Protein backbone atom coordinates (compact mmCIF):
# COMPACT_ATOMS: atom_id res chain seq x y z
CA MET A 1 19.93 -7.62 2.50
CA LYS A 2 18.44 -6.80 5.90
CA ILE A 3 20.36 -8.21 8.85
CA ALA A 4 19.70 -8.13 12.60
CA MET A 5 22.73 -8.42 14.88
CA ILE A 6 21.82 -9.49 18.42
CA GLY A 7 24.56 -8.24 20.72
CA THR A 8 26.86 -5.24 20.31
CA GLY A 9 29.93 -6.58 22.06
CA TYR A 10 33.20 -7.01 20.22
CA VAL A 11 32.03 -9.64 17.73
CA GLY A 12 28.56 -8.18 17.15
CA LEU A 13 29.69 -4.60 16.65
CA VAL A 14 32.60 -5.42 14.34
CA THR A 15 30.58 -7.96 12.33
CA GLY A 16 27.51 -5.75 12.03
CA THR A 17 29.58 -2.76 10.96
CA CYS A 18 31.50 -4.76 8.37
CA PHE A 19 28.26 -6.19 6.94
CA ALA A 20 26.99 -2.60 6.60
CA GLU A 21 30.24 -1.75 4.82
CA PHE A 22 29.42 -4.58 2.38
CA GLY A 23 26.20 -2.68 1.58
CA HIS A 24 23.71 -4.60 3.75
CA HIS A 25 21.22 -2.85 6.02
CA VAL A 26 22.11 -3.85 9.58
CA THR A 27 20.27 -3.20 12.83
CA CYS A 28 22.32 -3.97 15.94
CA VAL A 29 20.31 -4.81 19.05
CA ASP A 30 21.44 -4.76 22.66
CA LYS A 31 19.52 -4.76 25.95
CA LEU A 32 21.90 -2.26 27.52
CA GLU A 33 20.26 1.11 26.90
CA GLU A 34 23.38 3.07 27.85
CA LYS A 35 25.47 1.14 25.32
CA ILE A 36 22.94 1.80 22.54
CA LYS A 37 22.77 5.49 23.45
CA THR A 38 26.57 5.67 23.35
CA LEU A 39 26.66 4.02 19.91
CA LYS A 40 23.92 6.32 18.58
CA ASP A 41 26.02 9.26 19.80
CA GLY A 42 28.92 7.95 17.72
CA GLU A 43 31.03 6.76 20.63
CA ILE A 44 32.55 3.29 20.33
CA PRO A 45 32.73 1.33 23.62
CA ILE A 46 35.61 -0.87 22.43
CA TYR A 47 38.98 -0.10 20.92
CA GLU A 48 39.41 -1.33 17.38
CA PRO A 49 41.42 0.75 14.91
CA GLY A 50 39.18 2.23 12.18
CA LEU A 51 35.91 1.00 13.68
CA ASP A 52 34.75 4.48 14.76
CA VAL A 53 35.14 5.84 11.23
CA MET A 54 33.37 2.84 9.69
CA VAL A 55 30.47 3.05 12.19
CA ALA A 56 30.04 6.79 11.57
CA LYS A 57 30.13 6.37 7.78
CA ASN A 58 27.59 3.54 7.64
CA ALA A 59 25.27 5.13 10.22
CA LYS A 60 25.29 8.38 8.22
CA GLU A 61 24.55 6.49 5.00
CA GLY A 62 21.59 4.72 6.64
CA ARG A 63 22.97 1.18 6.55
CA LEU A 64 23.74 0.81 10.28
CA ARG A 65 21.30 1.40 13.13
CA PHE A 66 21.29 0.68 16.86
CA THR A 67 18.31 -0.16 19.07
CA THR A 68 17.18 -1.94 22.22
CA ASP A 69 13.95 -3.03 20.52
CA LEU A 70 13.85 -6.40 18.75
CA THR A 71 10.71 -5.34 16.86
CA GLU A 72 12.81 -2.75 15.00
CA ALA A 73 15.23 -5.40 13.77
CA VAL A 74 13.94 -8.98 13.63
CA PRO A 75 10.61 -8.96 11.71
CA ASP A 76 12.13 -7.56 8.50
CA ALA A 77 15.48 -9.37 8.74
CA GLU A 78 16.43 -12.09 6.28
CA ALA A 79 19.22 -13.16 8.64
CA VAL A 80 19.51 -12.77 12.41
CA PHE A 81 23.00 -13.19 13.85
CA ILE A 82 23.31 -14.10 17.53
CA ALA A 83 26.51 -12.57 18.90
CA VAL A 84 25.90 -12.57 22.63
CA GLY A 85 28.31 -13.52 25.38
CA THR A 86 29.16 -17.14 26.12
CA PRO A 87 31.15 -16.85 29.35
CA THR A 88 32.87 -19.84 30.84
CA SER A 89 30.50 -21.60 33.22
CA ARG A 90 30.82 -20.90 36.92
CA ARG A 91 31.48 -24.57 37.62
CA GLY A 92 35.09 -24.08 36.57
CA ASP A 93 34.94 -26.90 34.04
CA GLY A 94 35.67 -24.77 30.96
CA TYR A 95 32.22 -25.24 29.43
CA ALA A 96 30.51 -22.28 27.77
CA ASP A 97 27.46 -20.87 29.55
CA LEU A 98 24.82 -20.78 26.80
CA THR A 99 22.15 -19.00 28.87
CA TYR A 100 22.34 -15.81 26.77
CA ILE A 101 22.24 -17.74 23.48
CA TYR A 102 19.11 -19.62 24.48
CA ALA A 103 17.43 -16.49 25.88
CA ALA A 104 18.16 -14.64 22.62
CA ALA A 105 16.72 -17.53 20.58
CA LYS A 106 13.50 -17.47 22.60
CA GLU A 107 13.10 -13.71 22.26
CA ILE A 108 13.91 -13.71 18.54
CA ALA A 109 11.36 -16.47 17.88
CA GLU A 110 8.44 -14.26 18.85
CA PHE A 111 9.22 -11.73 16.09
CA LEU A 112 10.17 -13.93 13.13
CA ASN A 113 8.25 -13.01 10.00
CA GLY A 114 8.79 -14.97 6.79
CA TYR A 115 11.79 -17.17 6.08
CA THR A 116 14.75 -16.20 8.26
CA VAL A 117 18.21 -17.68 8.81
CA ILE A 118 19.27 -17.61 12.47
CA VAL A 119 23.06 -17.62 12.65
CA ASP A 120 25.16 -18.55 15.69
CA LYS A 121 28.09 -16.12 15.57
CA SER A 122 29.07 -16.61 19.20
CA THR A 123 31.61 -19.24 20.19
CA VAL A 124 29.44 -22.26 20.95
CA PRO A 125 29.93 -26.03 21.28
CA VAL A 126 28.73 -28.58 18.75
CA GLY A 127 25.00 -29.23 19.07
CA THR A 128 24.05 -25.68 20.03
CA ALA A 129 22.30 -25.06 16.69
CA ARG A 130 19.94 -27.99 17.37
CA GLN A 131 19.04 -26.54 20.77
CA VAL A 132 18.48 -23.09 19.27
CA ALA A 133 16.20 -24.61 16.60
CA ARG A 134 14.25 -26.51 19.26
CA ILE A 135 13.74 -23.37 21.36
CA ILE A 136 12.56 -21.35 18.36
CA SER A 137 10.17 -24.10 17.21
CA GLU A 138 8.70 -24.49 20.69
CA THR A 139 8.27 -20.73 21.12
CA ASN A 140 6.87 -20.10 17.64
CA PRO A 141 5.65 -23.30 15.94
CA GLU A 142 4.71 -21.33 12.80
CA ALA A 143 8.21 -19.90 12.27
CA ASP A 144 9.85 -20.57 8.90
CA PHE A 145 13.58 -20.63 9.64
CA ASP A 146 16.88 -22.43 9.49
CA VAL A 147 19.72 -22.27 11.99
CA ALA A 148 23.27 -21.92 10.72
CA SER A 149 26.67 -21.52 12.31
CA ASN A 150 29.25 -18.96 11.23
CA PRO A 151 32.14 -18.87 13.71
CA GLU A 152 34.30 -15.77 13.91
CA PHE A 153 38.06 -15.68 13.64
CA LEU A 154 38.73 -12.07 14.66
CA ARG A 155 41.81 -10.86 16.48
CA GLU A 156 41.41 -7.81 18.69
CA GLY A 157 43.25 -4.89 17.15
CA ALA A 158 43.09 -6.47 13.68
CA ALA A 159 39.40 -7.42 13.54
CA ILE A 160 38.38 -5.23 10.61
CA ALA A 161 41.28 -6.47 8.48
CA ASP A 162 40.54 -10.07 9.55
CA PHE A 163 36.87 -9.66 8.60
CA MET A 164 37.44 -7.89 5.29
CA ARG A 165 40.32 -10.10 4.15
CA PRO A 166 39.87 -13.53 5.75
CA ASP A 167 41.64 -16.62 4.49
CA ARG A 168 38.28 -18.43 4.61
CA VAL A 169 34.66 -18.12 5.72
CA VAL A 170 33.19 -21.15 7.50
CA ILE A 171 29.44 -21.71 7.43
CA GLY A 172 27.60 -24.64 8.96
CA ILE A 173 24.29 -25.13 7.18
CA GLU A 174 21.59 -27.77 6.79
CA SER A 175 19.64 -26.42 3.80
CA GLU A 176 20.22 -24.90 0.38
CA ARG A 177 18.06 -21.91 1.34
CA SER A 178 20.27 -21.01 4.29
CA GLU A 179 23.39 -21.51 2.17
CA GLN A 180 22.06 -19.09 -0.46
CA VAL A 181 21.34 -16.43 2.16
CA LEU A 182 24.79 -16.71 3.74
CA ARG A 183 26.54 -16.75 0.37
CA GLU A 184 24.67 -13.57 -0.58
CA ILE A 185 25.75 -11.91 2.68
CA TYR A 186 29.39 -12.82 2.07
CA GLN A 187 29.27 -12.16 -1.71
CA PRO A 188 31.79 -9.26 -1.52
CA LEU A 189 34.37 -11.66 -0.05
CA TYR A 190 33.56 -14.36 -2.59
CA LEU A 191 34.25 -11.81 -5.34
CA ARG A 192 37.72 -11.42 -3.80
CA ASP A 193 38.26 -15.19 -4.14
CA THR A 194 37.86 -15.88 -0.42
CA PRO A 195 36.91 -19.56 -0.07
CA ILE A 196 33.57 -20.21 1.61
CA VAL A 197 33.73 -23.55 3.41
CA ASN A 198 30.41 -25.35 3.99
CA THR A 199 29.96 -27.87 6.78
CA THR A 200 26.86 -29.74 7.92
């Protein structure tokens, strides 16, 4: 399956690399040119045991690519994961600042081609998926898509093990089509008897 990962921070890079390890073709996108250059050169900007080896292996085998250009990732993707930062708002009230999520949704919308599942991977509050869907529909009324949620439960320093051997995978979906896509993505875990928990 072809997957676009928007954001190459901790969650995006680990998730994208692990999906490539599952056998999917993953293109990781980031606006920071220096970060993408570093990743293309095989240097990992975060510390996570084993990640450098896994990135190198999957890049060499053609399943993992890095780019700053959405047109190289989104049009062919069957699933687009949004894994951008959600910093605490500057108001000091503990709310997540969703500016980057909404900006990513708007930019992704322009390049959707065929049915695509847009997946919130970032830590976001309830109701964010509806806002993402609204933004995409307003930006590209012809887009054929569903929005799903797939929160991460990764611990720094143990993220690869957490991803490859989770006690569960949680997916928030509103259609059978999106459920089928996400189940196919996580099929290697399902084969290991990892429960996949659906919520709506």
